[in-house]
Amino acid sequence: MQTGWVKTGGSWYYLNETGSLATGWVKDNGTWYYLKDSGKMATGWVKDNDTWYYLDSAGTMKTGWFTVSGKWYYAYSSGALAVNTTTPDGYTVNANGEWV
């Protein structure tokens, strides 16, 4: 039975321990990934339970400071985007999570 990452049609999918297509959050080798309802690995912005997350081009969930299109954002260790707050290191982010 095959498990783990599979690339099909240019997209990545993850087969869980039963060989079924995984959806939602998957932690693999200490790194979090998000798989859409179709099972396809997500990249870019993902909203899950009213919380925004950012996944880089390799599907890796970002934490700490990162840039997207020239704007700086901060994500907590959970991956949740900081919005309308002051980050742990003292910077202000707006309602979109952008450093201001």
PDB file of N, CA and C in Angstrom:
ATOM      1  N   MET A   1       0.845  -1.181   0.000  1.00  0.00           N
ATOM      2  CA  MET A   1       0.000   0.000   0.000  1.00  0.00           C
ATOM      3  C   MET A   1       0.891   1.245   0.000  1.00  0.00           C
ATOM      4  N   GLN A   2       0.584   2.162  -0.880  1.00  0.00           N
ATOM      5  CA  GLN A   2       1.366   3.386  -0.979  1.00  0.00           C
ATOM      6  C   GLN A   2       0.868   4.416   0.025  1.00  0.00           C
ATOM      7  N   THR A   3       1.804   5.101   0.670  1.00  0.00           N
ATOM      8  CA  THR A   3       1.485   6.204   1.572  1.00  0.00           C
ATOM      9  C   THR A   3       2.459   7.344   1.292  1.00  0.00           C
ATOM     10  N   GLY A   4       2.160   8.506   1.827  1.00  0.00           N
ATOM     11  CA  GLY A   4       3.043   9.658   1.659  1.00  0.00           C
ATOM     12  C   GLY A   4       2.684  10.484   0.437  1.00  0.00           C
ATOM     13  N   TRP A   5       3.645  11.264  -0.030  1.00  0.00           N
ATOM     14  CA  TRP A   5       3.419  12.208  -1.122  1.00  0.00           C
ATOM     15  C   TRP A   5       3.424  11.530  -2.484  1.00  0.00           C
ATOM     16  N   VAL A   6       2.457  11.958  -3.313  1.00  0.00           N
ATOM     17  CA  VAL A   6       2.334  11.454  -4.677  1.00  0.00           C
ATOM     18  C   VAL A   6       2.085  12.656  -5.585  1.00  0.00           C
ATOM     19  N   LYS A   7       2.822  12.723  -6.697  1.00  0.00           N
ATOM     20  CA  LYS A   7       2.604  13.804  -7.662  1.00  0.00           C
ATOM     21  C   LYS A   7       1.846  13.243  -8.850  1.00  0.00           C
ATOM     22  N   THR A   8       0.687  13.862  -9.127  1.00  0.00           N
ATOM     23  CA  THR A   8      -0.165  13.435 -10.230  1.00  0.00           C
ATOM     24  C   THR A   8      -0.635  14.664 -10.989  1.00  0.00           C
ATOM     25  N   GLY A   9      -0.446  14.659 -12.302  1.00  0.00           N
ATOM     26  CA  GLY A   9      -0.918  15.774 -13.123  1.00  0.00           C
ATOM     27  C   GLY A   9      -0.337  17.112 -12.713  1.00  0.00           C
ATOM     28  N   GLY A  10       0.890  17.120 -12.212  1.00  0.00           N
ATOM     29  CA  GLY A  10       1.538  18.362 -11.816  1.00  0.00           C
ATOM     30  C   GLY A  10       1.178  18.858 -10.429  1.00  0.00           C
ATOM     31  N   SER A  11       0.321  18.122  -9.708  1.00  0.00           N
ATOM     32  CA  SER A  11      -0.086  18.519  -8.357  1.00  0.00           C
ATOM     33  C   SER A  11       0.321  17.456  -7.346  1.00  0.00           C
ATOM     34  N   TRP A  12       0.544  17.899  -6.112  1.00  0.00           N
ATOM     35  CA  TRP A  12       0.925  16.987  -5.038  1.00  0.00           C
ATOM     36  C   TRP A  12      -0.280  16.600  -4.196  1.00  0.00           C
ATOM     37  N   TYR A  13      -0.306  15.340  -3.788  1.00  0.00           N
ATOM     38  CA  TYR A  13      -1.344  14.775  -2.928  1.00  0.00           C
ATOM     39  C   TYR A  13      -0.650  13.963  -1.845  1.00  0.00           C
ATOM     40  N   TYR A  14      -1.351  13.738  -0.730  1.00  0.00           N
ATOM     41  CA  TYR A  14      -0.770  12.958   0.363  1.00  0.00           C
ATOM     42  C   TYR A  14      -1.694  11.791   0.686  1.00  0.00           C
ATOM     43  N   LEU A  15      -1.121  10.591   0.673  1.00  0.00           N
ATOM     44  CA  LEU A  15      -1.875   9.390   1.031  1.00  0.00           C
ATOM     45  C   LEU A  15      -1.563   9.062   2.484  1.00  0.00           C
ATOM     46  N   ASN A  16      -2.617   8.987   3.310  1.00  0.00           N
ATOM     47  CA  ASN A  16      -2.414   8.747   4.737  1.00  0.00           C
ATOM     48  C   ASN A  16      -2.053   7.291   5.024  1.00  0.00           C
ATOM     49  N   GLU A  17      -1.980   6.938   6.305  1.00  0.00           N
ATOM     50  CA  GLU A  17      -1.515   5.603   6.708  1.00  0.00           C
ATOM     51  C   GLU A  17      -2.399   4.467   6.201  1.00  0.00           C
ATOM     52  N   THR A  18      -3.650   4.775   5.816  1.00  0.00           N
ATOM     53  CA  THR A  18      -4.528   3.742   5.254  1.00  0.00           C
ATOM     54  C   THR A  18      -4.484   3.746   3.725  1.00  0.00           C
ATOM     55  N   GLY A  19      -3.671   4.649   3.158  1.00  0.00           N
ATOM     56  CA  GLY A  19      -3.574   4.750   1.709  1.00  0.00           C
ATOM     57  C   GLY A  19      -4.633   5.640   1.092  1.00  0.00           C
ATOM     58  N   SER A  20      -5.461   6.270   1.939  1.00  0.00           N
ATOM     59  CA  SER A  20      -6.520   7.162   1.458  1.00  0.00           C
ATOM     60  C   SER A  20      -5.981   8.569   1.240  1.00  0.00           C
ATOM     61  N   LEU A  21      -6.643   9.297   0.361  1.00  0.00           N
ATOM     62  CA  LEU A  21      -6.279  10.678   0.084  1.00  0.00           C
ATOM     63  C   LEU A  21      -6.554  11.530   1.318  1.00  0.00           C
ATOM     64  N   ALA A  22      -5.540  12.228   1.802  1.00  0.00           N
ATOM     65  CA  ALA A  22      -5.691  13.088   2.975  1.00  0.00           C
ATOM     66  C   ALA A  22      -6.248  14.446   2.559  1.00  0.00           C
ATOM     67  N   THR A  23      -6.987  15.078   3.471  1.00  0.00           N
ATOM     68  CA  THR A  23      -7.463  16.448   3.289  1.00  0.00           C
ATOM     69  C   THR A  23      -7.230  17.198   4.594  1.00  0.00           C
ATOM     70  N   GLY A  24      -7.255  18.519   4.516  1.00  0.00           N
ATOM     71  CA  GLY A  24      -7.026  19.325   5.714  1.00  0.00           C
ATOM     72  C   GLY A  24      -5.542  19.391   6.043  1.00  0.00           C
ATOM     73  N   TRP A  25      -5.248  19.613   7.322  1.00  0.00           N
ATOM     74  CA  TRP A  25      -3.862  19.766   7.763  1.00  0.00           C
ATOM     75  C   TRP A  25      -3.164  18.434   7.914  1.00  0.00           C
ATOM     76  N   VAL A  26      -1.938  18.371   7.398  1.00  0.00           N
ATOM     77  CA  VAL A  26      -1.094  17.175   7.513  1.00  0.00           C
ATOM     78  C   VAL A  26       0.291  17.630   7.970  1.00  0.00           C
ATOM     79  N   LYS A  27       0.816  16.955   8.995  1.00  0.00           N
ATOM     80  CA  LYS A  27       2.183  17.234   9.449  1.00  0.00           C
ATOM     81  C   LYS A  27       3.071  16.107   8.962  1.00  0.00           C
ATOM     82  N   ASP A  28       4.097  16.461   8.196  1.00  0.00           N
ATOM     83  CA  ASP A  28       5.018  15.478   7.635  1.00  0.00           C
ATOM     84  C   ASP A  28       6.447  15.917   7.939  1.00  0.00           C
ATOM     85  N   ASN A  29       7.180  15.075   8.641  1.00  0.00           N
ATOM     86  CA  ASN A  29       8.568  15.389   9.021  1.00  0.00           C
ATOM     87  C   ASN A  29       8.694  16.751   9.699  1.00  0.00           C
ATOM     88  N   GLY A  30       7.741  17.063  10.589  1.00  0.00           N
ATOM     89  CA  GLY A  30       7.796  18.297  11.359  1.00  0.00           C
ATOM     90  C   GLY A  30       7.294  19.530  10.642  1.00  0.00           C
ATOM     91  N   THR A  31       6.805  19.383   9.419  1.00  0.00           N
ATOM     92  CA  THR A  31       6.321  20.512   8.623  1.00  0.00           C
ATOM     93  C   THR A  31       4.836  20.345   8.343  1.00  0.00           C
ATOM     94  N   TRP A  32       4.079  21.447   8.480  1.00  0.00           N
ATOM     95  CA  TRP A  32       2.639  21.418   8.224  1.00  0.00           C
ATOM     96  C   TRP A  32       2.326  21.792   6.776  1.00  0.00           C
ATOM     97  N   TYR A  33       1.361  21.074   6.215  1.00  0.00           N
ATOM     98  CA  TYR A  33       0.845  21.304   4.860  1.00  0.00           C
ATOM     99  C   TYR A  33      -0.674  21.315   4.940  1.00  0.00           C
ATOM    100  N   TYR A  34      -1.317  21.971   3.965  1.00  0.00           N
ATOM    101  CA  TYR A  34      -2.779  21.957   3.906  1.00  0.00           C
ATOM    102  C   TYR A  34      -3.208  21.353   2.581  1.00  0.00           C
ATOM    103  N   LEU A  35      -4.106  20.374   2.672  1.00  0.00           N
ATOM    104  CA  LEU A  35      -4.621  19.697   1.483  1.00  0.00           C
ATOM    105  C   LEU A  35      -6.085  20.076   1.296  1.00  0.00           C
ATOM    106  N   LYS A  36      -6.407  20.572   0.115  1.00  0.00           N
ATOM    107  CA  LYS A  36      -7.773  21.002  -0.194  1.00  0.00           C
ATOM    108  C   LYS A  36      -8.739  19.821  -0.138  1.00  0.00           C
ATOM    109  N   ASP A  37     -10.035  20.107  -0.247  1.00  0.00           N
ATOM    110  CA  ASP A  37     -11.044  19.041  -0.226  1.00  0.00           C
ATOM    111  C   ASP A  37     -10.802  18.009  -1.321  1.00  0.00           C
ATOM    112  N   SER A  38     -10.188  18.440  -2.422  1.00  0.00           N
ATOM    113  CA  SER A  38      -9.864  17.527  -3.525  1.00  0.00           C
ATOM    114  C   SER A  38      -8.650  16.662  -3.198  1.00  0.00           C
ATOM    115  N   GLY A  39      -7.935  17.023  -2.106  1.00  0.00           N
ATOM    116  CA  GLY A  39      -6.708  16.333  -1.739  1.00  0.00           C
ATOM    117  C   GLY A  39      -5.463  17.020  -2.268  1.00  0.00           C
ATOM    118  N   LYS A  40      -5.642  17.979  -3.168  1.00  0.00           N
ATOM    119  CA  LYS A  40      -4.508  18.693  -3.767  1.00  0.00           C
ATOM    120  C   LYS A  40      -3.836  19.585  -2.728  1.00  0.00           C
ATOM    121  N   MET A  41      -2.498  19.566  -2.697  1.00  0.00           N
ATOM    122  CA  MET A  41      -1.744  20.405  -1.771  1.00  0.00           C
ATOM    123  C   MET A  41      -1.954  21.880  -2.104  1.00  0.00           C
ATOM    124  N   ALA A  42      -2.247  22.667  -1.084  1.00  0.00           N
ATOM    125  CA  ALA A  42      -2.473  24.098  -1.260  1.00  0.00           C
ATOM    126  C   ALA A  42      -1.165  24.871  -1.180  1.00  0.00           C
ATOM    127  N   THR A  43      -1.136  25.997  -1.874  1.00  0.00           N
ATOM    128  CA  THR A  43      -0.063  26.979  -1.741  1.00  0.00           C
ATOM    129  C   THR A  43      -0.724  28.346  -1.662  1.00  0.00           C
ATOM    130  N   GLY A  44       0.010  29.328  -1.155  1.00  0.00           N
ATOM    131  CA  GLY A  44      -0.547  30.670  -1.038  1.00  0.00           C
ATOM    132  C   GLY A  44      -1.417  30.805   0.203  1.00  0.00           C
ATOM    133  N   TRP A  45      -2.364  31.729   0.148  1.00  0.00           N
ATOM    134  CA  TRP A  45      -3.228  32.003   1.300  1.00  0.00           C
ATOM    135  C   TRP A  45      -4.322  30.956   1.442  1.00  0.00           C
ATOM    136  N   VAL A  46      -4.527  30.507   2.675  1.00  0.00           N
ATOM    137  CA  VAL A  46      -5.587  29.548   2.996  1.00  0.00           C
ATOM    138  C   VAL A  46      -6.328  30.070   4.219  1.00  0.00           C
ATOM    139  N   LYS A  47      -7.660  30.091   4.149  1.00  0.00           N
ATOM    140  CA  LYS A  47      -8.475  30.464   5.308  1.00  0.00           C
ATOM    141  C   LYS A  47      -9.113  29.196   5.852  1.00  0.00           C
ATOM    142  N   ASP A  48      -8.858  28.914   7.125  1.00  0.00           N
ATOM    143  CA  ASP A  48      -9.385  27.721   7.779  1.00  0.00           C
ATOM    144  C   ASP A  48      -9.970  28.137   9.119  1.00  0.00           C
ATOM    145  N   ASN A  49     -11.260  27.880   9.319  1.00  0.00           N
ATOM    146  CA  ASN A  49     -11.944  28.266  10.566  1.00  0.00           C
ATOM    147  C   ASN A  49     -11.720  29.738  10.906  1.00  0.00           C
ATOM    148  N   ASP A  50     -11.932  30.613   9.927  1.00  0.00           N
ATOM    149  CA  ASP A  50     -11.819  32.068  10.085  1.00  0.00           C
ATOM    150  C   ASP A  50     -10.414  32.557  10.416  1.00  0.00           C
ATOM    151  N   THR A  51      -9.411  31.725  10.215  1.00  0.00           N
ATOM    152  CA  THR A  51      -8.022  32.109  10.448  1.00  0.00           C
ATOM    153  C   THR A  51      -7.246  31.950   9.149  1.00  0.00           C
ATOM    154  N   TRP A  52      -6.405  32.949   8.851  1.00  0.00           N
ATOM    155  CA  TRP A  52      -5.586  32.906   7.640  1.00  0.00           C
ATOM    156  C   TRP A  52      -4.226  32.286   7.919  1.00  0.00           C
ATOM    157  N   TYR A  53      -3.738  31.521   6.944  1.00  0.00           N
ATOM    158  CA  TYR A  53      -2.427  30.879   6.974  1.00  0.00           C
ATOM    159  C   TYR A  53      -1.777  31.128   5.616  1.00  0.00           C
ATOM    160  N   TYR A  54      -0.448  31.066   5.575  1.00  0.00           N
ATOM    161  CA  TYR A  54       0.237  31.199   4.298  1.00  0.00           C
ATOM    162  C   TYR A  54       1.140  29.994   4.079  1.00  0.00           C
ATOM    163  N   LEU A  55       1.005  29.403   2.889  1.00  0.00           N
ATOM    164  CA  LEU A  55       1.794  28.240   2.503  1.00  0.00           C
ATOM    165  C   LEU A  55       2.674  28.640   1.325  1.00  0.00           C
ATOM    166  N   ASP A  56       3.976  28.416   1.453  1.00  0.00           N
ATOM    167  CA  ASP A  56       4.887  28.833   0.383  1.00  0.00           C
ATOM    168  C   ASP A  56       4.724  27.952  -0.859  1.00  0.00           C
ATOM    169  N   SER A  57       5.551  28.177  -1.864  1.00  0.00           N
ATOM    170  CA  SER A  57       5.404  27.461  -3.139  1.00  0.00           C
ATOM    171  C   SER A  57       5.639  25.958  -3.005  1.00  0.00           C
ATOM    172  N   ALA A  58       6.300  25.538  -1.920  1.00  0.00           N
ATOM    173  CA  ALA A  58       6.499  24.110  -1.652  1.00  0.00           C
ATOM    174  C   ALA A  58       5.392  23.559  -0.758  1.00  0.00           C
ATOM    175  N   GLY A  59       4.400  24.405  -0.415  1.00  0.00           N
ATOM    176  CA  GLY A  59       3.288  23.977   0.424  1.00  0.00           C
ATOM    177  C   GLY A  59       3.550  24.074   1.910  1.00  0.00           C
ATOM    178  N   THR A  60       4.731  24.521   2.301  1.00  0.00           N
ATOM    179  CA  THR A  60       5.114  24.609   3.707  1.00  0.00           C
ATOM    180  C   THR A  60       4.407  25.770   4.400  1.00  0.00           C
ATOM    181  N   MET A  61       3.773  25.500   5.548  1.00  0.00           N
ATOM    182  CA  MET A  61       3.129  26.550   6.325  1.00  0.00           C
ATOM    183  C   MET A  61       4.190  27.481   6.907  1.00  0.00           C
ATOM    184  N   LYS A  62       4.013  28.771   6.692  1.00  0.00           N
ATOM    185  CA  LYS A  62       4.969  29.761   7.176  1.00  0.00           C
ATOM    186  C   LYS A  62       4.669  30.152   8.622  1.00  0.00           C
ATOM    187  N   THR A  63       5.731  30.432   9.364  1.00  0.00           N
ATOM    188  CA  THR A  63       5.632  30.983  10.711  1.00  0.00           C
ATOM    189  C   THR A  63       6.657  32.102  10.822  1.00  0.00           C
ATOM    190  N   GLY A  64       6.479  32.963  11.814  1.00  0.00           N
ATOM    191  CA  GLY A  64       7.382  34.096  11.973  1.00  0.00           C
ATOM    192  C   GLY A  64       7.139  35.127  10.881  1.00  0.00           C
ATOM    193  N   TRP A  65       8.142  35.950  10.611  1.00  0.00           N
ATOM    194  CA  TRP A  65       8.026  36.990   9.587  1.00  0.00           C
ATOM    195  C   TRP A  65       8.266  36.418   8.195  1.00  0.00           C
ATOM    196  N   PHE A  66       7.451  36.856   7.240  1.00  0.00           N
ATOM    197  CA  PHE A  66       7.621  36.444   5.844  1.00  0.00           C
ATOM    198  C   PHE A  66       7.055  37.533   4.939  1.00  0.00           C
ATOM    199  N   THR A  67       7.465  37.522   3.669  1.00  0.00           N
ATOM    200  CA  THR A  67       6.973  38.520   2.713  1.00  0.00           C
ATOM    201  C   THR A  67       6.157  37.858   1.614  1.00  0.00           C
ATOM    202  N   VAL A  68       5.135  38.591   1.175  1.00  0.00           N
ATOM    203  CA  VAL A  68       4.319  38.193   0.030  1.00  0.00           C
ATOM    204  C   VAL A  68       4.090  39.461  -0.785  1.00  0.00           C
ATOM    205  N   SER A  69       4.482  39.434  -2.030  1.00  0.00           N
ATOM    206  CA  SER A  69       4.306  40.584  -2.935  1.00  0.00           C
ATOM    207  C   SER A  69       4.846  41.874  -2.321  1.00  0.00           C
ATOM    208  N   GLY A  70       5.993  41.780  -1.664  1.00  0.00           N
ATOM    209  CA  GLY A  70       6.645  42.954  -1.108  1.00  0.00           C
ATOM    210  C   GLY A  70       6.106  43.444   0.223  1.00  0.00           C
ATOM    211  N   LYS A  71       5.115  42.755   0.787  1.00  0.00           N
ATOM    212  CA  LYS A  71       4.549  43.148   2.082  1.00  0.00           C
ATOM    213  C   LYS A  71       4.958  42.134   3.143  1.00  0.00           C
ATOM    214  N   TRP A  72       5.223  42.648   4.343  1.00  0.00           N
ATOM    215  CA  TRP A  72       5.634  41.793   5.461  1.00  0.00           C
ATOM    216  C   TRP A  72       4.430  41.372   6.295  1.00  0.00           C
ATOM    217  N   TYR A  73       4.444  40.098   6.711  1.00  0.00           N
ATOM    218  CA  TYR A  73       3.392  39.516   7.546  1.00  0.00           C
ATOM    219  C   TYR A  73       4.044  38.732   8.678  1.00  0.00           C
ATOM    220  N   TYR A  74       3.285  38.518   9.752  1.00  0.00           N
ATOM    221  CA  TYR A  74       3.779  37.710  10.864  1.00  0.00           C
ATOM    222  C   TYR A  74       2.763  36.610  11.161  1.00  0.00           C
ATOM    223  N   ALA A  75       3.251  35.374  11.261  1.00  0.00           N
ATOM    224  CA  ALA A  75       2.405  34.243  11.646  1.00  0.00           C
ATOM    225  C   ALA A  75       2.958  33.648  12.939  1.00  0.00           C
ATOM    226  N   TYR A  76       2.058  33.352  13.856  1.00  0.00           N
ATOM    227  CA  TYR A  76       2.442  32.726  15.123  1.00  0.00           C
ATOM    228  C   TYR A  76       2.998  31.325  14.868  1.00  0.00           C
ATOM    229  N   SER A  77       3.514  30.678  15.899  1.00  0.00           N
ATOM    230  CA  SER A  77       4.081  29.331  15.739  1.00  0.00           C
ATOM    231  C   SER A  77       3.028  28.331  15.274  1.00  0.00           C
ATOM    232  N   SER A  78       1.741  28.642  15.508  1.00  0.00           N
ATOM    233  CA  SER A  78       0.642  27.797  15.031  1.00  0.00           C
ATOM    234  C   SER A  78       0.405  27.983  13.542  1.00  0.00           C
ATOM    235  N   GLY A  79       1.034  29.013  12.964  1.00  0.00           N
ATOM    236  CA  GLY A  79       0.818  29.356  11.562  1.00  0.00           C
ATOM    237  C   GLY A  79      -0.260  30.401  11.365  1.00  0.00           C
ATOM    238  N   ALA A  80      -1.044  30.680  12.416  1.00  0.00           N
ATOM    239  CA  ALA A  80      -2.123  31.660  12.317  1.00  0.00           C
ATOM    240  C   ALA A  80      -1.553  33.053  12.076  1.00  0.00           C
ATOM    241  N   LEU A  81      -2.120  33.760  11.110  1.00  0.00           N
ATOM    242  CA  LEU A  81      -1.682  35.104  10.775  1.00  0.00           C
ATOM    243  C   LEU A  81      -2.064  36.069  11.889  1.00  0.00           C
ATOM    244  N   ALA A  82      -1.130  36.901  12.306  1.00  0.00           N
ATOM    245  CA  ALA A  82      -1.411  37.955  13.285  1.00  0.00           C
ATOM    246  C   ALA A  82      -2.131  39.089  12.563  1.00  0.00           C
ATOM    247  N   VAL A  83      -3.252  39.543  13.113  1.00  0.00           N
ATOM    248  CA  VAL A  83      -4.011  40.648  12.521  1.00  0.00           C
ATOM    249  C   VAL A  83      -4.435  41.626  13.615  1.00  0.00           C
ATOM    250  N   ASN A  84      -4.455  42.921  13.250  1.00  0.00           N
ATOM    251  CA  ASN A  84      -4.889  43.971  14.185  1.00  0.00           C
ATOM    252  C   ASN A  84      -4.251  43.844  15.558  1.00  0.00           C
ATOM    253  N   THR A  85      -2.951  43.718  15.604  1.00  0.00           N
ATOM    254  CA  THR A  85      -2.291  43.484  16.886  1.00  0.00           C
ATOM    255  C   THR A  85      -0.844  43.949  16.823  1.00  0.00           C
ATOM    256  N   THR A  86      -0.168  43.774  17.941  1.00  0.00           N
ATOM    257  CA  THR A  86       1.273  43.987  18.013  1.00  0.00           C
ATOM    258  C   THR A  86       1.924  42.618  18.083  1.00  0.00           C
ATOM    259  N   THR A  87       2.920  42.389  17.259  1.00  0.00           N
ATOM    260  CA  THR A  87       3.596  41.086  17.220  1.00  0.00           C
ATOM    261  C   THR A  87       4.441  40.902  18.485  1.00  0.00           C
ATOM    262  N   PRO A  88       4.839  39.670  18.789  1.00  0.00           N
ATOM    263  CA  PRO A  88       5.657  39.433  19.984  1.00  0.00           C
ATOM    264  C   PRO A  88       6.949  40.259  20.024  1.00  0.00           C
ATOM    265  N   ASP A  89       7.453  40.666  18.852  1.00  0.00           N
ATOM    266  CA  ASP A  89       8.676  41.468  18.826  1.00  0.00           C
ATOM    267  C   ASP A  89       8.399  42.971  18.706  1.00  0.00           C
ATOM    268  N   GLY A  90       7.117  43.363  18.908  1.00  0.00           N
ATOM    269  CA  GLY A  90       6.790  44.775  19.055  1.00  0.00           C
ATOM    270  C   GLY A  90       6.362  45.552  17.834  1.00  0.00           C
ATOM    271  N   TYR A  91       6.060  44.887  16.724  1.00  0.00           N
ATOM    272  CA  TYR A  91       5.631  45.582  15.510  1.00  0.00           C
ATOM    273  C   TYR A  91       4.117  45.500  15.355  1.00  0.00           C
ATOM    274  N   THR A  92       3.538  46.518  14.715  1.00  0.00           N
ATOM    275  CA  THR A  92       2.093  46.575  14.519  1.00  0.00           C
ATOM    276  C   THR A  92       1.722  46.014  13.153  1.00  0.00           C
ATOM    277  N   VAL A  93       0.679  45.177  13.136  1.00  0.00           N
ATOM    278  CA  VAL A  93       0.124  44.667  11.879  1.00  0.00           C
ATOM    279  C   VAL A  93      -1.346  45.069  11.805  1.00  0.00           C
ATOM    280  N   ASN A  94      -1.824  45.327  10.588  1.00  0.00           N
ATOM    281  CA  ASN A  94      -3.192  45.804  10.398  1.00  0.00           C
ATOM    282  C   ASN A  94      -4.192  44.653  10.237  1.00  0.00           C
ATOM    283  N   ALA A  95      -5.418  45.004   9.837  1.00  0.00           N
ATOM    284  CA  ALA A  95      -6.495  44.018   9.700  1.00  0.00           C
ATOM    285  C   ALA A  95      -6.207  42.973   8.633  1.00  0.00           C
ATOM    286  N   ASN A  96      -5.315  43.304   7.681  1.00  0.00           N
ATOM    287  CA  ASN A  96      -4.921  42.340   6.652  1.00  0.00           C
ATOM    288  C   ASN A  96      -3.680  41.557   7.059  1.00  0.00           C
ATOM    289  N   GLY A  97      -3.156  41.852   8.243  1.00  0.00           N
ATOM    290  CA  GLY A  97      -1.953  41.180   8.720  1.00  0.00           C
ATOM    291  C   GLY A  97      -0.666  41.810   8.232  1.00  0.00           C
ATOM    292  N   GLU A  98      -0.771  42.928   7.506  1.00  0.00           N
ATOM    293  CA  GLU A  98       0.415  43.590   6.951  1.00  0.00           C
ATOM    294  C   GLU A  98       1.089  44.466   8.007  1.00  0.00           C
ATOM    295  N   TRP A  99       2.412  44.433   8.037  1.00  0.00           N
ATOM    296  CA  TRP A  99       3.183  45.301   8.923  1.00  0.00           C
ATOM    297  C   TRP A  99       2.968  46.745   8.503  1.00  0.00           C
ATOM    298  N   VAL A 100       2.643  47.601   9.478  1.00  0.00           N
ATOM    299  CA  VAL A 100       2.412  49.030   9.187  1.00  0.00           C
ATOM    300  C   VAL A 100       3.400  49.900   9.941  1.00  0.00           C
TER     301      VAL A 100
END
